C-alpha atoms as a PDB file:
ATOM      1  CA  MET A   1      83.555  90.691-162.408  1.00  0.00           C
ATOM      2  CA  ASP A   2      81.403  91.801-159.483  1.00  0.00           C
ATOM      3  CA  GLU A   3      79.709  95.143-159.904  1.00  0.00           C
ATOM      4  CA  LEU A   4      81.176  97.686-157.507  1.00  0.00           C
ATOM      5  CA  THR A   5      79.230 100.746-156.421  1.00  0.00           C
ATOM      6  CA  TYR A   6      80.586 103.945-154.923  1.00  0.00           C
ATOM      7  CA  PRO A   7      78.995 107.152-153.710  1.00  0.00           C
ATOM      8  CA  ILE A   8      79.549 110.044-156.116  1.00  0.00           C
ATOM      9  CA  LEU A   9      79.448 113.683-155.070  1.00  0.00           C
ATOM     10  CA  VAL A  10      78.332 116.170-157.719  1.00  0.00           C
ATOM     11  CA  THR A  11      79.000 119.832-156.958  1.00  0.00           C
ATOM     12  CA  PRO A  12      78.715 123.003-159.043  1.00  0.00           C
ATOM     13  CA  LEU A  13      81.954 124.625-160.184  1.00  0.00           C
ATOM     14  CA  THR A  14      82.426 128.377-159.903  1.00  0.00           C
ATOM     15  CA  ALA A  15      82.778 130.542-162.984  1.00  0.00           C
ATOM     16  CA  ASP A  16      86.465 130.963-162.046  1.00  0.00           C
ATOM     17  CA  ASP A  17      86.821 127.162-162.267  1.00  0.00           C
ATOM     18  CA  GLY A  18      85.164 127.065-165.689  1.00  0.00           C
ATOM     19  CA  GLY A  19      81.567 126.471-164.617  1.00  0.00           C
ATOM     20  CA  GLY A  20      79.688 123.213-164.978  1.00  0.00           C
ATOM     21  CA  PHE A  21      79.791 120.463-162.386  1.00  0.00           C
ATOM     22  CA  ALA A  22      82.446 118.309-160.734  1.00  0.00           C
ATOM     23  CA  ALA A  23      81.866 114.665-159.841  1.00  0.00           C
ATOM     24  CA  THR A  24      84.170 113.088-157.261  1.00  0.00           C
ATOM     25  CA  VAL A  25      84.370 109.594-155.782  1.00  0.00           C
ATOM     26  CA  PRO A  26      85.499 109.906-152.137  1.00  0.00           C
ATOM     27  CA  ASP A  27      86.278 106.177-151.812  1.00  0.00           C
ATOM     28  CA  LEU A  28      88.729 106.298-154.757  1.00  0.00           C
ATOM     29  CA  PRO A  29      91.453 108.913-154.143  1.00  0.00           C
ATOM     30  CA  GLY A  30      91.927 111.229-157.108  1.00  0.00           C
ATOM     31  CA  CYS A  31      88.935 109.804-158.992  1.00  0.00           C
ATOM     32  CA  MET A  32      87.037 112.765-160.433  1.00  0.00           C
ATOM     33  CA  SER A  33      85.629 114.241-163.603  1.00  0.00           C
ATOM     34  CA  ASP A  34      83.436 117.113-164.698  1.00  0.00           C
ATOM     35  CA  GLY A  35      80.756 118.069-167.176  1.00  0.00           C
ATOM     36  CA  GLU A  36      78.518 120.913-168.305  1.00  0.00           C
ATOM     37  CA  THR A  37      75.532 119.349-166.508  1.00  0.00           C
ATOM     38  CA  PRO A  38      75.256 117.107-163.444  1.00  0.00           C
ATOM     39  CA  GLU A  39      74.218 114.231-165.717  1.00  0.00           C
ATOM     40  CA  GLU A  40      77.252 114.693-167.963  1.00  0.00           C
ATOM     41  CA  ALA A  41      79.559 114.824-164.930  1.00  0.00           C
ATOM     42  CA  LEU A  42      78.063 111.519-163.711  1.00  0.00           C
ATOM     43  CA  ARG A  43      78.489 109.849-167.108  1.00  0.00           C
ATOM     44  CA  ASN A  44      82.089 111.027-167.309  1.00  0.00           C
ATOM     45  CA  VAL A  45      83.039 109.942-163.795  1.00  0.00           C
ATOM     46  CA  ARG A  46      81.643 106.445-164.383  1.00  0.00           C
ATOM     47  CA  GLU A  47      84.242 105.997-167.121  1.00  0.00           C
ATOM     48  CA  VAL A  48      86.938 107.324-164.788  1.00  0.00           C
ATOM     49  CA  ILE A  49      85.885 104.831-162.081  1.00  0.00           C
ATOM     50  CA  ASP A  50      86.449 101.972-164.534  1.00  0.00           C
ATOM     51  CA  ALA A  51      89.881 103.357-165.457  1.00  0.00           C
ATOM     52  CA  TRP A  52      90.795 103.918-161.781  1.00  0.00           C
ATOM     53  CA  ILE A  53      89.934 100.318-160.901  1.00  0.00           C
ATOM     54  CA  ALA A  54      91.792  98.940-163.939  1.00  0.00           C
ATOM     55  CA  MET A  55      94.960 100.849-163.017  1.00  0.00           C
ATOM     56  CA  ALA A  56      94.741  99.825-159.357  1.00  0.00           C
ATOM     57  CA  ARG A  57      94.458  96.164-160.365  1.00  0.00           C
ATOM     58  CA  LYS A  58      97.276  96.492-162.913  1.00  0.00           C
ATOM     59  CA  PHE A  59      99.611  97.654-160.140  1.00  0.00           C
ATOM     60  CA  SER A  60      98.195  95.177-157.564  1.00  0.00           C
ATOM     61  CA  HIS A  61      96.700  97.911-155.395  1.00  0.00           C
ATOM     62  CA  ALA A  62      93.646  97.224-153.270  1.00  0.00           C
ATOM     63  CA  VAL A  63      90.319  98.250-154.722  1.00  0.00           C
ATOM     64  CA  PRO A  64      87.893  99.390-152.012  1.00  0.00           C
END
C-alpha cells in the first residue's frame, strides 16, 4: 500500500473541554483524537487515520 500523508492540526483544549490537546485531520472528515501532550495527540491520531482509511475502503468510499 502507498503511504499517504495528511496535514494534522494540533490545538490545545480548554480546561472546560478536559485539557490536553486535540489533533484533527482536515482532509479526512471526522478524523480526530486527543492526548495529554501534543506528542500523544499525534500518536493517537495516526492510529485513527489508519482506521478512517480502512473504513472508507471497506465501504468503497474515496480516500483523499
